[in-house]
Structures are given as C-alpha cells and as structure tokens.
N, C-alpha and C. Protein backbone atom coordinates (compact mmCIF):
# COMPACT_ATOMS: atom_id res chain seq x y z
N MET A 1 0.59 18.11 3.15
CA MET A 1 -0.44 17.24 3.67
C MET A 1 0.05 15.80 3.59
N PHE A 2 -0.19 15.03 4.65
CA PHE A 2 0.15 13.62 4.63
C PHE A 2 -0.91 12.84 5.38
N ALA A 3 -0.90 11.52 5.17
CA ALA A 3 -1.86 10.63 5.82
C ALA A 3 -1.15 9.36 6.25
N VAL A 4 -1.75 8.67 7.19
CA VAL A 4 -1.26 7.36 7.61
C VAL A 4 -2.31 6.35 7.18
N ILE A 5 -1.90 5.40 6.31
CA ILE A 5 -2.82 4.38 5.81
C ILE A 5 -2.41 3.01 6.32
N GLU A 6 -3.35 2.08 6.26
CA GLU A 6 -3.06 0.70 6.63
C GLU A 6 -3.35 -0.20 5.44
N THR A 7 -2.38 -1.02 5.08
CA THR A 7 -2.56 -2.01 4.02
C THR A 7 -1.58 -3.15 4.24
N GLY A 8 -2.05 -4.36 4.02
CA GLY A 8 -1.19 -5.52 4.19
C GLY A 8 -0.74 -5.75 5.61
N GLY A 9 -1.53 -5.27 6.59
CA GLY A 9 -1.16 -5.45 7.98
C GLY A 9 -0.10 -4.49 8.48
N LYS A 10 0.27 -3.51 7.65
CA LYS A 10 1.29 -2.53 8.03
C LYS A 10 0.73 -1.12 7.87
N GLN A 11 1.37 -0.17 8.51
CA GLN A 11 0.97 1.23 8.42
C GLN A 11 2.06 2.02 7.71
N TYR A 12 1.63 2.95 6.84
CA TYR A 12 2.57 3.74 6.05
C TYR A 12 2.19 5.22 6.14
N ILE A 13 3.19 6.09 6.25
CA ILE A 13 2.99 7.53 6.16
C ILE A 13 3.15 7.89 4.69
N VAL A 14 2.10 8.48 4.08
CA VAL A 14 2.14 8.78 2.66
C VAL A 14 1.81 10.25 2.40
N GLY A 15 2.39 10.77 1.33
CA GLY A 15 2.10 12.11 0.85
C GLY A 15 1.84 12.03 -0.64
N GLU A 16 1.32 13.09 -1.23
CA GLU A 16 1.02 13.08 -2.66
C GLU A 16 2.31 12.99 -3.47
N ASN A 17 2.22 12.31 -4.63
CA ASN A 17 3.33 12.09 -5.57
C ASN A 17 4.48 11.31 -4.95
N GLN A 18 4.20 10.48 -3.97
CA GLN A 18 5.22 9.66 -3.33
C GLN A 18 5.11 8.23 -3.83
N LYS A 19 6.26 7.58 -4.04
CA LYS A 19 6.28 6.16 -4.42
C LYS A 19 6.69 5.35 -3.20
N LEU A 20 6.03 4.21 -3.00
CA LEU A 20 6.42 3.34 -1.92
C LEU A 20 6.13 1.89 -2.26
N LYS A 21 6.85 1.00 -1.59
CA LYS A 21 6.69 -0.44 -1.79
C LYS A 21 5.85 -0.98 -0.64
N ILE A 22 4.78 -1.70 -1.01
CA ILE A 22 3.87 -2.27 -0.03
C ILE A 22 3.74 -3.77 -0.28
N GLU A 23 3.00 -4.45 0.56
CA GLU A 23 2.74 -5.87 0.36
C GLU A 23 2.03 -6.07 -0.98
N LYS A 24 2.26 -7.21 -1.61
CA LYS A 24 1.77 -7.45 -2.96
C LYS A 24 0.24 -7.37 -3.04
N LEU A 25 -0.24 -6.65 -4.07
CA LEU A 25 -1.66 -6.53 -4.34
C LEU A 25 -2.00 -7.33 -5.60
N PRO A 26 -3.19 -7.92 -5.67
CA PRO A 26 -3.55 -8.74 -6.84
C PRO A 26 -4.05 -7.88 -8.01
N LEU A 27 -3.21 -6.97 -8.49
CA LEU A 27 -3.56 -6.06 -9.59
C LEU A 27 -2.44 -6.07 -10.62
N LYS A 28 -2.72 -5.43 -11.77
CA LYS A 28 -1.70 -5.29 -12.82
C LYS A 28 -1.20 -3.86 -12.85
N ALA A 29 -0.03 -3.67 -13.43
CA ALA A 29 0.58 -2.34 -13.51
C ALA A 29 -0.33 -1.38 -14.26
N GLY A 30 -0.47 -0.17 -13.75
CA GLY A 30 -1.31 0.84 -14.35
C GLY A 30 -2.70 0.94 -13.76
N GLU A 31 -3.13 -0.04 -13.00
CA GLU A 31 -4.46 -0.01 -12.40
C GLU A 31 -4.49 0.92 -11.19
N GLN A 32 -5.69 1.40 -10.87
CA GLN A 32 -5.88 2.32 -9.76
C GLN A 32 -6.20 1.54 -8.47
N VAL A 33 -5.73 2.08 -7.34
CA VAL A 33 -5.96 1.48 -6.04
C VAL A 33 -6.53 2.57 -5.13
N VAL A 34 -7.52 2.23 -4.31
CA VAL A 34 -8.07 3.17 -3.34
C VAL A 34 -7.89 2.56 -1.96
N PHE A 35 -7.17 3.26 -1.09
CA PHE A 35 -6.97 2.83 0.28
C PHE A 35 -8.00 3.52 1.16
N GLY A 36 -8.90 2.76 1.74
CA GLY A 36 -9.97 3.32 2.55
C GLY A 36 -9.66 3.34 4.04
N LYS A 37 -8.66 2.59 4.46
CA LYS A 37 -8.30 2.53 5.87
C LYS A 37 -7.28 3.62 6.18
N VAL A 38 -7.79 4.82 6.45
CA VAL A 38 -6.93 5.97 6.77
C VAL A 38 -7.01 6.19 8.27
N LEU A 39 -5.85 6.14 8.94
CA LEU A 39 -5.79 6.27 10.39
C LEU A 39 -5.62 7.71 10.85
N LEU A 40 -4.91 8.52 10.05
CA LEU A 40 -4.61 9.88 10.46
C LEU A 40 -4.49 10.74 9.21
N LEU A 41 -4.93 11.99 9.31
CA LEU A 41 -4.81 12.96 8.22
C LEU A 41 -4.29 14.26 8.81
N ALA A 42 -3.16 14.76 8.29
CA ALA A 42 -2.58 16.01 8.77
C ALA A 42 -2.49 16.98 7.60
N ASP A 43 -3.12 18.14 7.76
CA ASP A 43 -3.12 19.17 6.72
C ASP A 43 -2.70 20.49 7.36
N GLY A 44 -1.41 20.75 7.37
CA GLY A 44 -0.91 21.95 8.02
C GLY A 44 -1.08 21.85 9.52
N GLU A 45 -1.93 22.70 10.10
CA GLU A 45 -2.16 22.68 11.54
C GLU A 45 -3.34 21.79 11.93
N ASN A 46 -4.17 21.40 10.96
CA ASN A 46 -5.33 20.56 11.24
C ASN A 46 -4.92 19.09 11.22
N ILE A 47 -5.21 18.39 12.30
CA ILE A 47 -4.89 16.97 12.40
C ILE A 47 -6.16 16.22 12.79
N LYS A 48 -6.50 15.20 11.98
CA LYS A 48 -7.66 14.35 12.29
C LYS A 48 -7.15 12.95 12.59
N ILE A 49 -7.61 12.39 13.69
CA ILE A 49 -7.21 11.06 14.11
C ILE A 49 -8.44 10.18 14.14
N GLY A 50 -8.36 9.01 13.50
CA GLY A 50 -9.48 8.08 13.46
C GLY A 50 -9.52 7.18 14.68
N LYS A 51 -10.71 6.61 14.91
CA LYS A 51 -10.90 5.68 16.02
C LYS A 51 -11.61 4.43 15.54
N PRO A 52 -11.05 3.48 14.88
CA PRO A 52 -9.66 3.41 14.44
C PRO A 52 -9.42 4.07 13.08
N TYR A 53 -10.47 4.20 12.24
CA TYR A 53 -10.29 4.77 10.89
C TYR A 53 -11.13 6.03 10.73
N LEU A 54 -10.73 6.88 9.79
CA LEU A 54 -11.47 8.09 9.48
C LEU A 54 -12.55 7.77 8.45
N GLU A 55 -13.74 8.30 8.65
CA GLU A 55 -14.86 8.07 7.74
C GLU A 55 -14.81 9.08 6.58
N GLY A 56 -15.08 8.63 5.38
CA GLY A 56 -15.18 9.51 4.22
C GLY A 56 -13.86 10.01 3.67
N ILE A 57 -12.75 9.50 4.14
CA ILE A 57 -11.44 9.92 3.64
C ILE A 57 -10.77 8.71 3.01
N SER A 58 -10.19 8.91 1.83
CA SER A 58 -9.51 7.83 1.13
C SER A 58 -8.25 8.36 0.45
N VAL A 59 -7.38 7.44 0.09
CA VAL A 59 -6.14 7.77 -0.60
C VAL A 59 -6.13 7.00 -1.91
N GLU A 60 -5.97 7.73 -3.03
CA GLU A 60 -5.94 7.11 -4.35
C GLU A 60 -4.50 6.96 -4.81
N ALA A 61 -4.22 5.82 -5.43
CA ALA A 61 -2.88 5.54 -5.92
C ALA A 61 -2.98 4.73 -7.21
N SER A 62 -1.88 4.69 -7.95
CA SER A 62 -1.81 3.84 -9.13
C SER A 62 -0.66 2.87 -8.96
N LEU A 63 -0.87 1.66 -9.43
CA LEU A 63 0.13 0.61 -9.31
C LEU A 63 1.19 0.82 -10.38
N VAL A 64 2.44 1.00 -9.96
CA VAL A 64 3.53 1.25 -10.91
C VAL A 64 4.12 -0.08 -11.39
N ALA A 65 4.44 -0.98 -10.46
CA ALA A 65 5.08 -2.24 -10.84
C ALA A 65 4.90 -3.28 -9.75
N GLN A 66 5.02 -4.53 -10.16
CA GLN A 66 5.09 -5.66 -9.24
C GLN A 66 6.54 -6.13 -9.23
N GLY A 67 7.02 -6.64 -8.13
CA GLY A 67 8.40 -7.10 -8.09
C GLY A 67 8.66 -8.00 -6.91
N ARG A 68 9.93 -8.37 -6.79
CA ARG A 68 10.38 -9.18 -5.67
C ARG A 68 11.60 -8.52 -5.07
N GLY A 69 11.67 -8.53 -3.77
CA GLY A 69 12.75 -7.86 -3.06
C GLY A 69 14.08 -8.59 -3.16
N LYS A 70 15.06 -8.02 -2.51
CA LYS A 70 16.40 -8.58 -2.48
C LYS A 70 16.38 -9.92 -1.74
N LYS A 71 17.19 -10.87 -2.21
CA LYS A 71 17.21 -12.19 -1.60
C LYS A 71 17.90 -12.15 -0.24
N ILE A 72 17.24 -12.78 0.73
CA ILE A 72 17.86 -12.93 2.03
C ILE A 72 18.20 -14.40 2.24
N ARG A 73 19.29 -14.65 2.94
CA ARG A 73 19.74 -16.02 3.19
C ARG A 73 19.47 -16.37 4.64
N ILE A 74 18.91 -17.57 4.85
CA ILE A 74 18.66 -18.08 6.18
C ILE A 74 19.54 -19.31 6.36
N LEU A 75 20.32 -19.36 7.43
CA LEU A 75 21.23 -20.47 7.67
C LEU A 75 20.96 -21.05 9.04
N ARG A 76 20.69 -22.36 9.08
CA ARG A 76 20.49 -23.06 10.35
C ARG A 76 21.63 -24.05 10.52
N TYR A 77 22.10 -24.18 11.74
CA TYR A 77 23.19 -25.10 12.03
C TYR A 77 22.87 -25.89 13.29
N HIS A 78 22.94 -27.21 13.19
CA HIS A 78 22.74 -28.08 14.34
C HIS A 78 24.11 -28.53 14.81
N SER A 79 24.49 -28.12 16.01
CA SER A 79 25.87 -28.34 16.47
C SER A 79 26.20 -29.81 16.74
N LYS A 80 25.28 -30.57 17.28
CA LYS A 80 25.60 -31.95 17.67
C LYS A 80 25.76 -32.86 16.44
N THR A 81 24.96 -32.62 15.41
CA THR A 81 25.00 -33.51 14.24
C THR A 81 25.76 -32.90 13.07
N ARG A 82 26.23 -31.66 13.23
CA ARG A 82 26.96 -30.95 12.17
C ARG A 82 26.12 -30.81 10.90
N ARG A 83 24.85 -30.63 11.10
CA ARG A 83 23.94 -30.47 9.95
C ARG A 83 23.76 -28.99 9.65
N ARG A 84 23.86 -28.65 8.38
CA ARG A 84 23.66 -27.27 7.94
C ARG A 84 22.49 -27.23 6.98
N ARG A 85 21.71 -26.16 7.06
CA ARG A 85 20.57 -26.00 6.16
C ARG A 85 20.54 -24.54 5.72
N ARG A 86 20.54 -24.31 4.42
CA ARG A 86 20.50 -22.95 3.90
C ARG A 86 19.23 -22.77 3.06
N LYS A 87 18.55 -21.66 3.29
CA LYS A 87 17.35 -21.32 2.54
C LYS A 87 17.49 -19.89 2.04
N GLY A 88 16.72 -19.57 1.02
CA GLY A 88 16.67 -18.20 0.52
C GLY A 88 15.22 -17.77 0.39
N HIS A 89 15.00 -16.46 0.43
CA HIS A 89 13.63 -15.94 0.33
C HIS A 89 13.66 -14.58 -0.33
N ARG A 90 12.72 -14.35 -1.24
CA ARG A 90 12.53 -13.04 -1.87
C ARG A 90 11.07 -12.65 -1.67
N GLN A 91 10.85 -11.55 -0.95
CA GLN A 91 9.51 -11.11 -0.61
C GLN A 91 8.88 -10.38 -1.80
N PRO A 92 7.69 -10.79 -2.26
CA PRO A 92 7.02 -10.05 -3.34
C PRO A 92 6.46 -8.72 -2.83
N PHE A 93 6.47 -7.70 -3.70
CA PHE A 93 5.95 -6.39 -3.32
C PHE A 93 5.25 -5.74 -4.50
N SER A 94 4.48 -4.71 -4.21
CA SER A 94 3.85 -3.86 -5.23
C SER A 94 4.35 -2.45 -4.99
N GLU A 95 4.77 -1.78 -6.06
CA GLU A 95 5.19 -0.40 -5.95
C GLU A 95 4.05 0.49 -6.42
N VAL A 96 3.60 1.40 -5.55
CA VAL A 96 2.49 2.29 -5.87
C VAL A 96 2.95 3.74 -5.80
N GLU A 97 2.25 4.58 -6.58
CA GLU A 97 2.49 6.02 -6.53
C GLU A 97 1.21 6.68 -6.05
N ILE A 98 1.30 7.45 -4.97
CA ILE A 98 0.14 8.11 -4.38
C ILE A 98 -0.25 9.30 -5.27
N LYS A 99 -1.49 9.29 -5.72
CA LYS A 99 -1.99 10.38 -6.60
C LYS A 99 -2.64 11.49 -5.80
N SER A 100 -3.59 11.15 -4.94
CA SER A 100 -4.28 12.19 -4.19
C SER A 100 -4.83 11.64 -2.87
N ILE A 101 -5.04 12.58 -1.94
CA ILE A 101 -5.66 12.26 -0.66
C ILE A 101 -7.00 13.00 -0.66
N ASN A 102 -8.11 12.23 -0.68
CA ASN A 102 -9.45 12.81 -0.76
C ASN A 102 -10.04 13.02 0.61
N LYS A 103 -10.50 14.23 0.87
CA LYS A 103 -11.14 14.54 2.15
C LYS A 103 -12.61 14.28 2.09
C-alpha cells in the first residue's frame, strides 16, 4: 500500500516504514506528524484518487531528525567588468519516518 501526500508545496509517494526528507517542519525530533493532504491511495488493486484531496484519509509519521542538506555553490560572473560573485546555500530539511496510512 502506498499514498501520495502533499507537504511543503511538493508531492511525495510514501509507504509504511519509509524514511524521507521533506521541507523543514517547525517540530522537534520524536514528535508525531499527521499529513492530511492525501492525493492518492493505492491498496493492491483498489486505487482512490482525490479531487484534489481524499476525505477521511491521513498519513501518520514521526520526526526523526532536523538537518541541512549538502552545500551548493552559486557563481555569477560579469564579463564586461570581470566581477565574480560566489554564494553558498544549504537547504534545511526534516527527516520523517512514515508509521501508518489511515483509511
């Protein structure tokens, strides 16, 4: 069984006992999270599709850790003035473990 959830403006395909990194949530490690925006639920041959979301279906997860992703480098170069500008960015994320999909 798997579901498609929406969180942080993105959609994720999730299954039970799966870990995934999502946009940062304002919670602490060990706290429970309930995702109510479920777009699709597939259970064997039965598939339910929401318009846009499914009513009465939720996905429960627990927050494993907060972190920051790998650093990416941004380099800008202005050819006429020979100006260089370098920036770095590390995207914050929350790692969650899916506990159950409630019908």
